[in-house]
Protein backbone atom coordinates (compact mmCIF):
# COMPACT_ATOMS: atom_id res chain seq x y z
CA MET A 1 0.88 16.69 0.98
CA ALA A 2 2.61 18.82 2.95
CA TYR A 3 2.54 16.23 6.54
CA LEU A 4 4.08 13.17 6.78
CA ILE A 5 2.67 9.71 6.54
CA GLU A 6 4.99 7.00 7.79
CA MET A 7 4.51 3.16 9.01
CA ILE A 8 6.58 3.07 12.15
CA GLU A 9 5.50 -0.38 13.85
CA ARG A 10 4.04 -3.33 11.74
CA ASP A 11 0.74 -2.20 13.42
CA VAL A 12 1.88 2.51 14.15
CA LEU A 13 1.43 4.40 11.22
CA LYS A 14 2.77 8.72 12.76
CA ILE A 15 0.93 11.21 11.30
CA THR A 16 3.52 14.02 11.12
CA LEU A 17 2.01 18.03 10.83
CA SER A 18 2.18 20.41 8.28
CA ALA A 19 0.58 24.09 8.49
CA ASN A 20 -2.33 22.35 8.67
CA ASP A 21 -5.06 20.42 10.48
CA VAL A 22 -5.42 16.52 9.53
CA VAL A 23 -8.89 14.88 9.21
CA VAL A 24 -8.31 11.92 8.52
CA THR A 25 -11.38 8.87 8.20
CA PRO A 26 -10.23 5.14 8.34
CA VAL A 27 -12.17 2.34 7.11
CA LYS A 28 -11.49 -1.55 6.82
CA ILE A 29 -12.52 -3.00 3.81
CA VAL A 30 -14.41 -6.76 4.00
CA HIS A 31 -13.85 -9.53 2.35
CA ASP A 32 -15.73 -10.81 -0.37
CA SER A 33 -18.62 -7.61 0.01
CA TYR A 34 -15.98 -5.39 -0.26
CA VAL A 35 -17.79 -2.62 1.78
CA GLU A 36 -16.78 -0.16 4.18
CA GLU A 37 -16.52 -0.72 7.76
CA ALA A 38 -15.43 1.63 10.59
CA ALA A 39 -11.33 1.01 11.36
CA ASP A 40 -11.11 -0.40 14.66
CA ILE A 41 -8.22 2.06 16.03
CA SER A 42 -6.46 4.03 18.65
CA VAL A 43 -4.74 6.76 18.30
CA SER A 44 -2.50 8.97 20.01
CA PRO A 45 -2.90 12.24 21.92
CA SER A 46 -6.07 10.66 22.04
CA VAL A 47 -8.28 12.00 19.64
CA THR A 48 -12.61 11.60 19.53
CA PRO A 49 -13.79 10.96 16.58
CA VAL A 50 -17.09 12.14 14.95
CA SER A 51 -18.94 9.24 12.90
CA ASN A 52 -15.56 7.77 13.00
CA VAL A 53 -13.88 10.37 11.51
CA TYR A 54 -10.12 12.20 13.27
CA THR A 55 -9.22 15.27 13.22
CA LEU A 56 -5.78 16.07 14.06
CA THR A 57 -5.18 19.36 14.97
CA GLY A 58 -1.83 20.74 16.62
CA ALA A 59 1.17 22.75 15.25
CA PRO A 60 3.56 22.24 12.72
CA ALA A 61 5.68 18.83 13.83
CA ASP A 62 3.51 17.57 15.77
CA GLU A 63 3.05 13.93 15.54
CA PHE A 64 0.11 11.59 15.99
CA GLU A 65 0.03 8.06 15.84
CA ILE A 66 -2.45 5.50 14.61
CA THR A 67 -2.31 2.16 16.34
CA PHE A 68 -4.28 -0.41 14.09
CA ASN A 69 -5.70 -2.80 16.20
CA GLU A 70 -7.12 -5.79 14.26
CA ASP A 71 -5.52 -6.69 10.97
CA GLY A 72 -6.55 -5.86 7.94
CA VAL A 73 -6.29 -3.83 4.99
CA TYR A 74 -7.60 -0.33 5.98
CA LYS A 75 -7.40 2.43 3.99
CA LEU A 76 -7.48 6.10 4.71
CA SER A 77 -9.08 9.06 3.63
CA ILE A 78 -7.51 12.10 4.87
CA THR A 79 -7.97 15.67 4.23
CA GLU A 80 -5.07 18.44 4.55
CA GLY A 81 -6.38 22.49 3.17
CA ASP A 82 -7.42 21.76 -0.46
CA GLY A 83 -5.51 18.28 -0.87
CA SER A 84 -7.60 14.25 -0.83
CA TYR A 85 -5.40 11.82 0.02
CA ILE A 86 -5.89 8.01 0.14
CA HIS A 87 -3.37 5.71 1.27
CA TYR A 88 -3.76 2.32 2.02
CA VAL A 89 -2.09 -0.27 4.85
CA TYR A 90 -1.73 -3.05 5.24
CA ILE A 91 -2.25 -5.37 8.92
CA MET A 92 -0.85 -8.06 9.37
CA ASN A 93 0.70 -9.69 12.24
CA GLU A 94 -1.13 -12.71 12.35
CA VAL A 95 0.73 -13.50 8.90
CA ASP A 96 4.16 -12.67 10.63
CA ASP A 97 3.43 -13.98 13.77
CA TYR A 98 2.90 -17.14 12.11
CA PHE A 99 5.53 -17.54 9.31
CA ILE A 100 7.85 -16.11 12.30
CA ASP A 101 7.10 -18.89 14.60
CA THR A 102 7.43 -21.48 11.20
CA ILE A 103 10.74 -20.66 9.87
CA PRO A 104 13.17 -21.90 12.63
CA ASN A 105 11.38 -25.71 12.26
CA LEU A 106 12.22 -25.87 8.85
CA ILE A 107 15.73 -25.43 9.17
CA VAL A 108 16.91 -29.28 9.59
CA PRO A 109 20.17 -30.91 10.00
CA ASN A 110 18.87 -33.72 6.55
CA PRO A 111 18.14 -31.90 4.03
CA LEU A 112 16.56 -35.14 1.61
CA GLY A 113 13.95 -35.23 3.49
CA ASP A 114 13.70 -37.24 6.50
CA HIS A 115 12.62 -34.74 8.46
CA LEU A 116 8.57 -35.83 7.49
CA LEU A 117 9.83 -38.90 9.81
CA ASP A 118 8.62 -36.30 12.20
CA PRO A 119 5.44 -36.44 14.25
CA ASP A 120 4.66 -32.59 13.82
CA HIS A 121 5.54 -33.01 10.11
CA ARG A 122 2.27 -31.57 9.71
CA THR A 123 4.11 -28.03 10.30
CA TYR A 124 5.65 -28.20 6.84
CA TYR A 125 2.32 -28.48 5.40
CA ASP A 126 0.85 -25.44 6.62
CA PHE A 127 3.69 -23.53 5.30
CA ASN A 128 3.47 -25.11 2.28
CA VAL A 129 -0.32 -23.99 2.12
CA VAL A 130 -0.60 -20.88 4.02
CA SER A 131 2.96 -18.92 1.51
CA MET A 132 0.07 -20.11 -1.85
CA LEU A 133 -2.66 -18.18 -0.45
CA THR A 134 -0.19 -15.38 1.04
CA ILE A 135 2.48 -14.30 -1.89
CA GLY A 136 0.73 -11.99 -3.48
CA PHE A 137 0.63 -9.67 -0.52
CA PHE A 138 4.47 -10.46 0.88
CA PHE A 139 6.03 -8.51 -1.85
CA GLU A 140 3.67 -4.84 -1.17
CA THR A 141 2.90 -4.92 2.01
CA ASN A 142 2.55 -1.30 3.09
CA ALA A 143 5.30 -0.23 0.18
CA ASN A 144 3.96 2.95 -1.72
CA VAL A 145 0.53 3.58 1.14
CA PHE A 146 0.23 7.67 -1.51
CA LEU A 147 -2.36 7.25 -3.53
CA ASP A 148 -4.08 11.02 -4.95
CA TYR A 149 -6.89 9.78 -7.58
CA SER A 150 -7.07 13.84 -8.60
CA ASP A 151 -5.17 14.88 -11.55
CA ILE A 152 -1.66 14.66 -10.86
CA SER A 153 0.16 17.34 -13.29
CA ALA A 154 3.37 16.93 -10.71
CA GLY A 155 4.98 15.77 -7.27
CA MET A 156 5.88 11.60 -7.49
CA LEU A 157 4.98 8.75 -9.59
CA TYR A 158 4.67 5.72 -7.64
CA LYS A 159 6.95 2.56 -8.66
CA ASP A 160 4.01 -0.22 -10.42
CA GLN A 161 1.32 1.51 -10.27
CA ILE A 162 -0.80 2.65 -13.92
CA TYR A 163 -1.64 5.07 -15.17
CA GLN A 164 -3.30 6.77 -17.43
CA CYS A 165 -2.66 10.53 -19.50
CA ARG A 166 -6.32 12.63 -19.34
CA SER A 167 -4.05 16.07 -20.46
CA ILE A 168 -1.27 16.92 -23.00
CA GLY A 169 1.06 19.61 -21.87
CA SER A 170 2.20 21.63 -23.43
CA GLY A 171 5.66 22.53 -21.85
CA THR A 172 9.08 20.34 -22.65
CA TYR A 173 9.04 17.11 -20.94
CA ASN A 174 11.43 15.07 -18.85
CA TRP A 175 10.10 12.16 -18.03
CA GLN A 176 13.48 11.34 -15.63
CA ASP A 177 14.31 11.80 -12.06
CA ALA A 178 16.68 13.80 -10.68
CA LEU A 179 19.45 10.93 -11.22
CA GLY A 180 18.60 11.09 -14.46
CA ASP A 181 17.33 7.42 -14.72
CA ASP A 182 14.17 6.38 -16.63
CA ILE A 183 10.08 6.54 -14.55
CA LEU A 184 7.43 5.44 -17.70
CA MET A 185 7.57 2.92 -20.23
CA ASP A 186 4.70 2.05 -22.26
CA MET A 187 1.97 -0.49 -22.05
CA SER A 188 4.43 -2.35 -24.34
CA GLY A 189 7.31 -2.25 -22.61
CA HIS A 190 9.20 0.26 -24.06
CA ILE A 191 11.21 3.44 -22.15
CA VAL A 192 9.25 6.70 -22.36
CA THR A 193 12.16 8.61 -23.30
CA SER A 194 13.40 11.94 -21.10
CA ASN A 195 11.49 14.27 -23.62
CA THR A 196 8.64 12.55 -25.19
CA ALA A 197 5.65 13.89 -25.26
CA LEU A 198 3.27 11.04 -23.53
CA ILE A 199 0.19 9.95 -25.92
CA LEU A 200 -3.74 11.09 -24.96
CA ASP A 201 -5.45 8.36 -22.71
CA ALA A 202 -2.91 5.84 -23.06
CA TYR A 203 -1.75 3.49 -20.23
CA TYR A 204 2.80 4.00 -18.97
CA LYS A 205 3.42 1.98 -15.74
CA CYS A 206 6.00 3.24 -12.95
CA ILE A 207 9.38 1.91 -12.90
CA LYS A 208 10.81 3.84 -10.38
CA THR A 209 8.94 6.03 -7.57
CA ALA A 210 10.31 9.08 -8.73
CA THR A 211 9.31 12.64 -9.33
CA PRO A 212 10.17 12.96 -12.65
CA VAL A 213 12.01 16.36 -13.61
CA ASN A 214 8.95 18.35 -15.34
CA TYR A 215 5.55 17.52 -16.33
CA GLY A 216 6.11 20.10 -19.30
CA GLY A 217 6.43 23.33 -17.58
CA THR A 218 2.87 25.87 -16.86
CA THR A 219 0.87 23.74 -18.69
CA ALA A 220 2.01 20.42 -17.15
CA THR A 221 0.62 16.54 -18.40
CA GLU A 222 -1.91 15.48 -16.48
CA LEU A 223 -1.89 11.93 -15.90
CA SER A 224 -4.39 9.77 -13.59
CA LEU A 225 -3.70 6.03 -11.64
CA TYR A 226 -5.92 3.67 -13.27
CA THR A 227 -7.73 2.41 -10.59
CA ASP A 228 -9.31 -0.72 -11.88
CA THR A 229 -5.90 -2.98 -11.57
CA PHE A 230 -5.58 -1.53 -9.21
CA TYR A 231 -8.64 -2.65 -6.87
CA GLN A 232 -8.26 -5.52 -8.42
CA TRP A 233 -4.39 -6.24 -7.22
CA LEU A 234 -5.78 -4.00 -3.27
CA LEU A 235 -9.52 -6.92 -3.46
CA GLN A 236 -7.20 -9.95 -4.29
CA THR A 237 -4.99 -9.03 -0.99
CA VAL A 238 -8.28 -8.67 1.54
CA GLU A 239 -9.47 -12.01 0.47
CA SER A 240 -5.31 -13.20 0.18
CA LEU A 241 -6.05 -12.50 3.95
CA TYR A 242 -8.81 -13.50 4.80
CA ARG A 243 -8.06 -16.53 3.95
CA PHE A 244 -4.48 -17.11 5.63
CA ASN A 245 -7.31 -16.52 8.77
CA LYS A 246 -9.91 -18.66 8.35
CA TYR A 247 -7.04 -21.10 7.92
CA VAL A 248 -4.64 -20.52 10.74
CA ASN A 249 -8.79 -20.45 12.94
CA ASP A 250 -9.50 -23.93 10.72
CA CYS A 251 -6.54 -25.61 10.50
CA ILE A 252 -3.86 -24.73 11.88
CA ASP A 253 -4.73 -23.95 15.78
CA THR A 254 -7.49 -27.30 15.65
CA ASN A 255 -4.28 -28.90 15.65
CA VAL A 256 -1.66 -27.54 18.12
């Protein structure tokens, strides 16, 4: 992946080109059915999509900004040269706005609860309900948005993702990063030492986003993302965001 992708605002993503054009197909994941529908986005400089496909053409270092026009969970399928990649982006402006507005109301002079006598105490109830609905994705928002579903035999691994060993290399391994920090542990919680060969078909959890020093030389170990675990978490995120928006519309907005 030669292009650079980064969030520059809470609903704006920037892609910086490298040597090749970048082709982006953005979709939004619908709650309940989980079907993927065309995403409502704006691209600057302007790009005219063809069947929801945006081709970002330019010279190296040219920048394109993608603005997401509504809250939701988005999947961006991107091709660059011969590479294919997937990025997930979580847009939750309504959640952020609600918490920004509500948090100052929780700061009260009396910690013993006299604020409950306030006729506006519904604010506290709303805050607690929304906290429970959204806690599942607050700590993960737009963290490690890059996921490559092809076999991984080089490059970066991402914290908290589960990988499966698909092929064992014949070279020298080093599962630490350049600073000497450990990157992998097995599913029993044991750290994978720097020069340990992985077990075929076994699963491993990444404990630090980093690139291993060596996957195994010219014949490298191949990993793949264990997508079942990731997708379960992804679908829960979609539902959490939907429930928040529904709660706002049905309860909070009607009691203002």
